[in-house]
Amino acid sequence: MGSNRVPYSYGLKMRKLRLDNYRNCPLLIQLSFNCGHWQGYCRKSRMKQLILFCLTTFLFACQSASQRNDKKPDSVPKGAPRVVSADSLIVPGKSIGNIKLGMDAAPVIKLMGTPSGGDAAMGKATVIWNNGDDLTAIYTERNMGVDDTARILQIRSTLPGYLTDKNIGVGVTLDDIELQMPVARLGEYSEGKDTFALYVTRAGISFEINRDQQCTGIIVHPAGTDPTKAYLPFHSNLRK
């Protein structure tokens, strides 16, 4: 009987052949290495992915919550009136900033300093302070024989920054003004080479409007009065 035993030399040849195949095909080497570890690797990989997913989700949620908490609303919503301080507030028929109708003019003149110009006659006066291209002016009257105090009856300002509670002031357009209050065109006047129109309201505020339909100056006066009727009006050359 012949033996079924494989000759030792044949076994060596087969092992050599398998090794040669592995050397000739790196893919087989890789597959052989991975097969023994694949299941364990998959389990570890899935666990790592799950942990990474949970951590990512948690961090994203924390960040979103932090952003919601840190987000602050605008101090003034778009289109809403800006809050005006008392020092910069225009109150029609009453005041511009800290200068008020009816108050004694003497403390104002002392505070403002030496006037740049003005006029006076029959107990009435205009007092003007220039500040570069801008000015502040007051019109005063004395009730001679009764009250010798010069009382402020009109205030004029071309300074930007003074606003009503509806944000109306120097720099706004005539359209902006008409959206807030009814105005009537009283006439026009000249200053140097420029021509301006004067628009009045019954609320006690008038607007100087240039050719570009922009407000360049404001006059506050008693409500229901015509500022041009003063004995010494700010615009003596007004043409109605």
C-alpha atoms as a PDB file:
ATOM      1  CA  MET A   1       0.000   0.000   0.000  1.00  0.00           C
ATOM      2  CA  GLY A   2       1.196   3.441  -0.769  1.00  0.00           C
ATOM      3  CA  SER A   3       1.473   5.991   1.962  1.00  0.00           C
ATOM      4  CA  ASN A   4      -0.849   9.129   2.035  1.00  0.00           C
ATOM      5  CA  ARG A   5       1.775  11.079   3.806  1.00  0.00           C
ATOM      6  CA  VAL A   6       2.930  14.194   1.942  1.00  0.00           C
ATOM      7  CA  PRO A   7       6.617  14.234   1.341  1.00  0.00           C
ATOM      8  CA  TYR A   8       8.527  16.747   3.458  1.00  0.00           C
ATOM      9  CA  SER A   9      10.090  18.364   0.411  1.00  0.00           C
ATOM     10  CA  TYR A  10       6.659  18.945  -1.157  1.00  0.00           C
ATOM     11  CA  GLY A  11       5.457  20.690   1.990  1.00  0.00           C
ATOM     12  CA  LEU A  12       8.429  23.019   1.895  1.00  0.00           C
ATOM     13  CA  LYS A  13       7.708  23.846  -1.734  1.00  0.00           C
ATOM     14  CA  MET A  14       4.049  24.693  -0.974  1.00  0.00           C
ATOM     15  CA  ARG A  15       4.954  26.951   1.950  1.00  0.00           C
ATOM     16  CA  LYS A  16       7.512  28.637  -0.237  1.00  0.00           C
ATOM     17  CA  LEU A  17       4.881  29.113  -2.952  1.00  0.00           C
ATOM     18  CA  ARG A  18       2.441  30.696  -0.503  1.00  0.00           C
ATOM     19  CA  LEU A  19       5.137  33.033   0.772  1.00  0.00           C
ATOM     20  CA  ASP A  20       6.094  33.937  -2.774  1.00  0.00           C
ATOM     21  CA  ASN A  21       2.431  34.721  -3.552  1.00  0.00           C
ATOM     22  CA  TYR A  22       2.220  36.975  -0.520  1.00  0.00           C
ATOM     23  CA  ARG A  23       5.371  38.771  -1.520  1.00  0.00           C
ATOM     24  CA  ASN A  24       4.093  39.240  -5.049  1.00  0.00           C
ATOM     25  CA  CYS A  25       0.697  40.494  -3.908  1.00  0.00           C
ATOM     26  CA  PRO A  26       0.814  42.998  -1.012  1.00  0.00           C
ATOM     27  CA  LEU A  27      -3.005  43.007  -0.983  1.00  0.00           C
ATOM     28  CA  LEU A  28      -2.993  39.416   0.227  1.00  0.00           C
ATOM     29  CA  ILE A  29      -0.644  40.332   3.032  1.00  0.00           C
ATOM     30  CA  GLN A  30      -2.946  43.183   4.069  1.00  0.00           C
ATOM     31  CA  LEU A  31      -6.060  41.009   3.884  1.00  0.00           C
ATOM     32  CA  SER A  32      -4.416  38.275   5.813  1.00  0.00           C
ATOM     33  CA  PHE A  33      -3.414  40.666   8.567  1.00  0.00           C
ATOM     34  CA  ASN A  34      -6.817  42.367   8.728  1.00  0.00           C
ATOM     35  CA  CYS A  35      -8.924  39.207   8.746  1.00  0.00           C
ATOM     36  CA  GLY A  36      -7.707  38.249  12.185  1.00  0.00           C
ATOM     37  CA  HIS A  37      -8.454  41.644  13.629  1.00  0.00           C
ATOM     38  CA  TRP A  38     -11.407  42.815  11.553  1.00  0.00           C
ATOM     39  CA  GLN A  39     -14.228  42.020  13.929  1.00  0.00           C
ATOM     40  CA  GLY A  40     -12.486  43.574  16.929  1.00  0.00           C
ATOM     41  CA  TYR A  41     -11.507  46.570  14.853  1.00  0.00           C
ATOM     42  CA  CYS A  42     -15.074  47.105  13.651  1.00  0.00           C
ATOM     43  CA  ARG A  43     -16.409  46.974  17.176  1.00  0.00           C
ATOM     44  CA  LYS A  44     -13.821  49.495  18.366  1.00  0.00           C
ATOM     45  CA  SER A  45     -14.379  51.733  15.331  1.00  0.00           C
ATOM     46  CA  ARG A  46     -18.142  51.796  15.809  1.00  0.00           C
ATOM     47  CA  MET A  47     -17.672  52.665  19.477  1.00  0.00           C
ATOM     48  CA  LYS A  48     -15.252  55.477  18.633  1.00  0.00           C
ATOM     49  CA  GLN A  49     -17.650  56.880  16.030  1.00  0.00           C
ATOM     50  CA  LEU A  50     -20.535  56.750  18.489  1.00  0.00           C
ATOM     51  CA  ILE A  51     -18.524  58.553  21.180  1.00  0.00           C
ATOM     52  CA  LEU A  52     -17.333  61.177  18.657  1.00  0.00           C
ATOM     53  CA  PHE A  53     -20.895  61.737  17.444  1.00  0.00           C
ATOM     54  CA  CYS A  54     -22.202  62.197  21.000  1.00  0.00           C
ATOM     55  CA  LEU A  55     -19.414  64.636  21.891  1.00  0.00           C
ATOM     56  CA  THR A  56     -19.939  66.641  18.705  1.00  0.00           C
ATOM     57  CA  THR A  57     -23.691  66.869  19.291  1.00  0.00           C
ATOM     58  CA  PHE A  58     -23.169  67.956  22.903  1.00  0.00           C
ATOM     59  CA  LEU A  59     -20.640  70.660  22.008  1.00  0.00           C
ATOM     60  CA  PHE A  60     -22.824  71.996  19.200  1.00  0.00           C
ATOM     61  CA  ALA A  61     -25.811  72.243  21.547  1.00  0.00           C
ATOM     62  CA  CYS A  62     -23.736  74.078  24.157  1.00  0.00           C
ATOM     63  CA  GLN A  63     -22.369  76.504  21.565  1.00  0.00           C
ATOM     64  CA  SER A  64     -25.829  77.255  20.162  1.00  0.00           C
ATOM     65  CA  ALA A  65     -27.198  77.923  23.640  1.00  0.00           C
ATOM     66  CA  SER A  66     -24.257  80.207  24.399  1.00  0.00           C
ATOM     67  CA  GLN A  67     -24.805  82.163  21.183  1.00  0.00           C
ATOM     68  CA  ARG A  68     -28.488  82.609  21.978  1.00  0.00           C
ATOM     69  CA  ASN A  69     -27.658  83.888  25.454  1.00  0.00           C
ATOM     70  CA  ASP A  70     -24.936  86.241  24.233  1.00  0.00           C
ATOM     71  CA  LYS A  71     -27.012  87.768  21.456  1.00  0.00           C
ATOM     72  CA  LYS A  72     -28.214  91.220  22.482  1.00  0.00           C
ATOM     73  CA  PRO A  73     -30.985  93.191  20.771  1.00  0.00           C
ATOM     74  CA  ASP A  74     -30.085  96.453  19.117  1.00  0.00           C
ATOM     75  CA  SER A  75     -30.295  99.374  21.538  1.00  0.00           C
ATOM     76  CA  VAL A  76     -32.597 101.121  19.055  1.00  0.00           C
ATOM     77  CA  PRO A  77     -34.565  98.996  16.552  1.00  0.00           C
ATOM     78  CA  LYS A  78     -34.239 100.043  12.960  1.00  0.00           C
ATOM     79  CA  GLY A  79     -36.770 102.743  12.142  1.00  0.00           C
ATOM     80  CA  ALA A  80     -37.492 103.560  15.779  1.00  0.00           C
ATOM     81  CA  PRO A  81     -36.855 107.097  17.141  1.00  0.00           C
ATOM     82  CA  ARG A  82     -33.487 107.583  18.803  1.00  0.00           C
ATOM     83  CA  VAL A  83     -33.579 108.518  22.481  1.00  0.00           C
ATOM     84  CA  VAL A  84     -32.606 112.209  22.796  1.00  0.00           C
ATOM     85  CA  SER A  85     -31.012 113.578  25.961  1.00  0.00           C
ATOM     86  CA  ALA A  86     -32.565 116.594  27.668  1.00  0.00           C
ATOM     87  CA  ASP A  87     -29.562 118.752  26.689  1.00  0.00           C
ATOM     88  CA  SER A  88     -30.205 118.046  23.000  1.00  0.00           C
ATOM     89  CA  LEU A  89     -34.008 117.919  22.979  1.00  0.00           C
ATOM     90  CA  ILE A  90     -36.162 120.291  20.956  1.00  0.00           C
ATOM     91  CA  VAL A  91     -39.629 120.813  22.433  1.00  0.00           C
ATOM     92  CA  PRO A  92     -41.877 122.748  20.017  1.00  0.00           C
ATOM     93  CA  GLY A  93     -43.318 125.861  21.643  1.00  0.00           C
ATOM     94  CA  LYS A  94     -41.003 125.492  24.665  1.00  0.00           C
ATOM     95  CA  SER A  95     -37.265 124.979  24.273  1.00  0.00           C
ATOM     96  CA  ILE A  96     -34.117 123.987  22.411  1.00  0.00           C
ATOM     97  CA  GLY A  97     -31.793 122.149  24.744  1.00  0.00           C
ATOM     98  CA  ASN A  98     -31.402 124.115  27.966  1.00  0.00           C
ATOM     99  CA  ILE A  99     -32.651 127.396  26.491  1.00  0.00           C
ATOM    100  CA  LYS A 100     -36.349 127.823  27.253  1.00  0.00           C
ATOM    101  CA  LEU A 101     -38.973 130.304  26.141  1.00  0.00           C
ATOM    102  CA  GLY A 102     -39.920 132.793  28.868  1.00  0.00           C
ATOM    103  CA  MET A 103     -36.676 132.450  30.798  1.00  0.00           C
ATOM    104  CA  ASP A 104     -34.448 135.371  31.740  1.00  0.00           C
ATOM    105  CA  ALA A 105     -31.961 135.967  28.917  1.00  0.00           C
ATOM    106  CA  ALA A 106     -29.208 137.255  31.228  1.00  0.00           C
ATOM    107  CA  PRO A 107     -28.003 133.816  32.479  1.00  0.00           C
ATOM    108  CA  VAL A 108     -28.046 132.480  28.916  1.00  0.00           C
ATOM    109  CA  ILE A 109     -25.952 135.383  27.644  1.00  0.00           C
ATOM    110  CA  LYS A 110     -23.523 134.908  30.525  1.00  0.00           C
ATOM    111  CA  LEU A 111     -23.243 131.185  29.818  1.00  0.00           C
ATOM    112  CA  MET A 112     -22.891 131.571  26.030  1.00  0.00           C
ATOM    113  CA  GLY A 113     -20.296 134.332  26.277  1.00  0.00           C
ATOM    114  CA  THR A 114     -19.806 137.431  24.179  1.00  0.00           C
ATOM    115  CA  PRO A 115     -22.328 137.540  21.305  1.00  0.00           C
ATOM    116  CA  SER A 116     -21.146 137.624  17.691  1.00  0.00           C
ATOM    117  CA  GLY A 117     -23.865 140.023  16.673  1.00  0.00           C
ATOM    118  CA  GLY A 118     -27.425 141.160  17.173  1.00  0.00           C
ATOM    119  CA  ASP A 119     -29.771 144.136  17.246  1.00  0.00           C
ATOM    120  CA  ALA A 120     -31.835 145.982  19.816  1.00  0.00           C
ATOM    121  CA  ALA A 121     -34.635 148.552  19.821  1.00  0.00           C
ATOM    122  CA  MET A 122     -37.636 149.493  22.002  1.00  0.00           C
ATOM    123  CA  GLY A 123     -36.908 146.860  24.653  1.00  0.00           C
ATOM    124  CA  LYS A 124     -36.590 144.117  22.008  1.00  0.00           C
ATOM    125  CA  ALA A 125     -33.360 142.431  20.995  1.00  0.00           C
ATOM    126  CA  THR A 126     -31.806 139.663  18.962  1.00  0.00           C
ATOM    127  CA  VAL A 127     -28.603 138.099  20.225  1.00  0.00           C
ATOM    128  CA  ILE A 128     -26.480 135.852  17.986  1.00  0.00           C
ATOM    129  CA  TRP A 129     -23.584 133.488  18.695  1.00  0.00           C
ATOM    130  CA  ASN A 130     -21.682 132.092  15.726  1.00  0.00           C
ATOM    131  CA  ASN A 131     -19.982 128.710  15.936  1.00  0.00           C
ATOM    132  CA  GLY A 132     -18.142 128.326  12.651  1.00  0.00           C
ATOM    133  CA  ASP A 133     -20.799 127.950   9.979  1.00  0.00           C
ATOM    134  CA  ASP A 134     -23.528 127.391  12.587  1.00  0.00           C
ATOM    135  CA  LEU A 135     -25.238 129.731  14.982  1.00  0.00           C
ATOM    136  CA  THR A 136     -27.509 130.030  17.994  1.00  0.00           C
ATOM    137  CA  ALA A 137     -29.740 133.062  18.401  1.00  0.00           C
ATOM    138  CA  ILE A 138     -32.443 134.317  20.756  1.00  0.00           C
ATOM    139  CA  TYR A 139     -35.081 136.997  20.464  1.00  0.00           C
ATOM    140  CA  THR A 140     -36.005 138.782  23.690  1.00  0.00           C
ATOM    141  CA  GLU A 141     -38.516 141.361  24.838  1.00  0.00           C
ATOM    142  CA  ARG A 142     -38.809 143.524  27.951  1.00  0.00           C
ATOM    143  CA  ASN A 143     -42.165 144.655  29.281  1.00  0.00           C
ATOM    144  CA  MET A 144     -40.789 148.038  30.192  1.00  0.00           C
ATOM    145  CA  GLY A 145     -42.347 149.664  33.228  1.00  0.00           C
ATOM    146  CA  VAL A 146     -43.732 146.299  34.358  1.00  0.00           C
ATOM    147  CA  ASP A 147     -40.913 143.765  34.068  1.00  0.00           C
ATOM    148  CA  ASP A 148     -37.463 144.919  33.048  1.00  0.00           C
ATOM    149  CA  THR A 149     -36.284 141.314  32.622  1.00  0.00           C
ATOM    150  CA  ALA A 150     -35.449 140.450  29.026  1.00  0.00           C
ATOM    151  CA  ARG A 151     -37.519 137.305  28.407  1.00  0.00           C
ATOM    152  CA  ILE A 152     -36.705 134.863  25.617  1.00  0.00           C
ATOM    153  CA  LEU A 153     -39.577 134.641  23.110  1.00  0.00           C
ATOM    154  CA  GLN A 154     -37.852 132.876  20.223  1.00  0.00           C
ATOM    155  CA  ILE A 155     -34.858 130.554  19.838  1.00  0.00           C
ATOM    156  CA  ARG A 156     -33.050 129.839  16.590  1.00  0.00           C
ATOM    157  CA  SER A 157     -30.424 127.160  15.995  1.00  0.00           C
ATOM    158  CA  THR A 158     -28.621 125.804  12.956  1.00  0.00           C
ATOM    159  CA  LEU A 159     -26.563 123.358  15.031  1.00  0.00           C
ATOM    160  CA  PRO A 160     -26.923 119.671  14.138  1.00  0.00           C
ATOM    161  CA  GLY A 161     -27.554 117.286  17.011  1.00  0.00           C
ATOM    162  CA  TYR A 162     -30.624 118.970  18.472  1.00  0.00           C
ATOM    163  CA  LEU A 163     -33.697 116.822  17.810  1.00  0.00           C
ATOM    164  CA  THR A 164     -37.349 116.534  18.730  1.00  0.00           C
ATOM    165  CA  ASP A 165     -38.593 113.341  20.357  1.00  0.00           C
ATOM    166  CA  LYS A 166     -39.423 112.204  16.813  1.00  0.00           C
ATOM    167  CA  ASN A 167     -35.872 112.811  15.575  1.00  0.00           C
ATOM    168  CA  ILE A 168     -36.683 115.987  13.654  1.00  0.00           C
ATOM    169  CA  GLY A 169     -33.821 118.467  13.470  1.00  0.00           C
ATOM    170  CA  VAL A 170     -31.175 120.032  11.254  1.00  0.00           C
ATOM    171  CA  GLY A 171     -30.237 117.658   8.454  1.00  0.00           C
ATOM    172  CA  VAL A 172     -33.582 115.934   7.938  1.00  0.00           C
ATOM    173  CA  THR A 173     -35.573 116.451   4.755  1.00  0.00           C
ATOM    174  CA  LEU A 174     -38.816 118.323   4.310  1.00  0.00           C
ATOM    175  CA  ASP A 175     -40.484 114.989   3.549  1.00  0.00           C
ATOM    176  CA  ASP A 176     -39.285 113.665   6.926  1.00  0.00           C
ATOM    177  CA  ILE A 177     -40.813 116.691   8.650  1.00  0.00           C
ATOM    178  CA  GLU A 178     -44.132 116.414   6.821  1.00  0.00           C
ATOM    179  CA  LEU A 179     -44.440 112.789   7.900  1.00  0.00           C
ATOM    180  CA  GLN A 180     -44.374 113.927  11.536  1.00  0.00           C
ATOM    181  CA  MET A 181     -46.375 117.181  11.519  1.00  0.00           C
ATOM    182  CA  PRO A 182     -48.323 119.486   9.186  1.00  0.00           C
ATOM    183  CA  VAL A 183     -46.313 122.458   7.924  1.00  0.00           C
ATOM    184  CA  ALA A 184     -47.141 125.523   5.829  1.00  0.00           C
ATOM    185  CA  ARG A 185     -44.746 127.405   3.573  1.00  0.00           C
ATOM    186  CA  LEU A 186     -44.620 130.983   4.825  1.00  0.00           C
ATOM    187  CA  GLY A 187     -42.170 132.491   2.343  1.00  0.00           C
ATOM    188  CA  GLU A 188     -38.504 132.627   1.397  1.00  0.00           C
ATOM    189  CA  TYR A 189     -35.476 134.668   2.396  1.00  0.00           C
ATOM    190  CA  SER A 190     -31.862 135.075   1.339  1.00  0.00           C
ATOM    191  CA  GLU A 191     -28.616 134.649   3.233  1.00  0.00           C
ATOM    192  CA  GLY A 192     -25.649 135.610   1.082  1.00  0.00           C
ATOM    193  CA  LYS A 193     -26.085 133.906  -2.281  1.00  0.00           C
ATOM    194  CA  ASP A 194     -28.388 131.202  -0.932  1.00  0.00           C
ATOM    195  CA  THR A 195     -32.162 131.203  -0.803  1.00  0.00           C
ATOM    196  CA  PHE A 196     -34.175 129.387   1.848  1.00  0.00           C
ATOM    197  CA  ALA A 197     -37.852 128.714   2.463  1.00  0.00           C
ATOM    198  CA  LEU A 198     -39.461 129.076   5.894  1.00  0.00           C
ATOM    199  CA  TYR A 199     -42.074 126.482   6.899  1.00  0.00           C
ATOM    200  CA  VAL A 200     -44.145 127.076  10.030  1.00  0.00           C
ATOM    201  CA  THR A 201     -46.370 124.938  12.236  1.00  0.00           C
ATOM    202  CA  ARG A 202     -48.983 125.755  14.855  1.00  0.00           C
ATOM    203  CA  ALA A 203     -47.078 123.609  17.333  1.00  0.00           C
ATOM    204  CA  GLY A 204     -44.490 126.344  17.901  1.00  0.00           C
ATOM    205  CA  ILE A 205     -41.654 125.217  15.648  1.00  0.00           C
ATOM    206  CA  SER A 206     -40.556 126.503  12.237  1.00  0.00           C
ATOM    207  CA  PHE A 207     -38.078 125.064   9.735  1.00  0.00           C
ATOM    208  CA  GLU A 208     -35.562 126.704   7.424  1.00  0.00           C
ATOM    209  CA  ILE A 209     -35.346 124.619   4.232  1.00  0.00           C
ATOM    210  CA  ASN A 210     -32.675 124.947   1.528  1.00  0.00           C
ATOM    211  CA  ARG A 211     -32.981 124.272  -2.201  1.00  0.00           C
ATOM    212  CA  ASP A 212     -32.191 120.607  -1.657  1.00  0.00           C
ATOM    213  CA  GLN A 213     -35.302 120.371   0.531  1.00  0.00           C
ATOM    214  CA  GLN A 214     -33.157 119.821   3.610  1.00  0.00           C
ATOM    215  CA  CYS A 215     -33.614 121.472   7.002  1.00  0.00           C
ATOM    216  CA  THR A 216     -30.750 123.873   7.796  1.00  0.00           C
ATOM    217  CA  GLY A 217     -32.207 125.664  10.814  1.00  0.00           C
ATOM    218  CA  ILE A 218     -34.991 125.580  13.407  1.00  0.00           C
ATOM    219  CA  ILE A 219     -36.910 128.310  15.221  1.00  0.00           C
ATOM    220  CA  VAL A 220     -38.868 127.554  18.384  1.00  0.00           C
ATOM    221  CA  HIS A 221     -41.560 130.086  19.288  1.00  0.00           C
ATOM    222  CA  PRO A 222     -44.842 130.151  21.226  1.00  0.00           C
ATOM    223  CA  ALA A 223     -47.411 127.755  19.769  1.00  0.00           C
ATOM    224  CA  GLY A 224     -49.882 129.310  17.347  1.00  0.00           C
ATOM    225  CA  THR A 225     -47.704 132.358  16.606  1.00  0.00           C
ATOM    226  CA  ASP A 226     -45.972 133.576  13.453  1.00  0.00           C
ATOM    227  CA  PRO A 227     -42.235 133.975  14.130  1.00  0.00           C
ATOM    228  CA  THR A 228     -41.941 136.659  11.459  1.00  0.00           C
ATOM    229  CA  LYS A 229     -44.293 138.947  13.393  1.00  0.00           C
ATOM    230  CA  ALA A 230     -41.647 139.703  15.990  1.00  0.00           C
ATOM    231  CA  TYR A 231     -40.489 143.299  16.238  1.00  0.00           C
ATOM    232  CA  LEU A 232     -36.993 142.170  15.229  1.00  0.00           C
ATOM    233  CA  PRO A 233     -37.514 138.955  13.287  1.00  0.00           C
ATOM    234  CA  PHE A 234     -34.617 136.654  12.501  1.00  0.00           C
ATOM    235  CA  HIS A 235     -35.384 136.955   8.777  1.00  0.00           C
ATOM    236  CA  SER A 236     -36.182 140.586   8.089  1.00  0.00           C
ATOM    237  CA  ASN A 237     -35.924 140.063   4.312  1.00  0.00           C
ATOM    238  CA  LEU A 238     -38.561 137.283   4.224  1.00  0.00           C
ATOM    239  CA  ARG A 239     -40.693 137.480   1.085  1.00  0.00           C
ATOM    240  CA  LYS A 240     -44.165 136.003   1.378  1.00  0.00           C
END
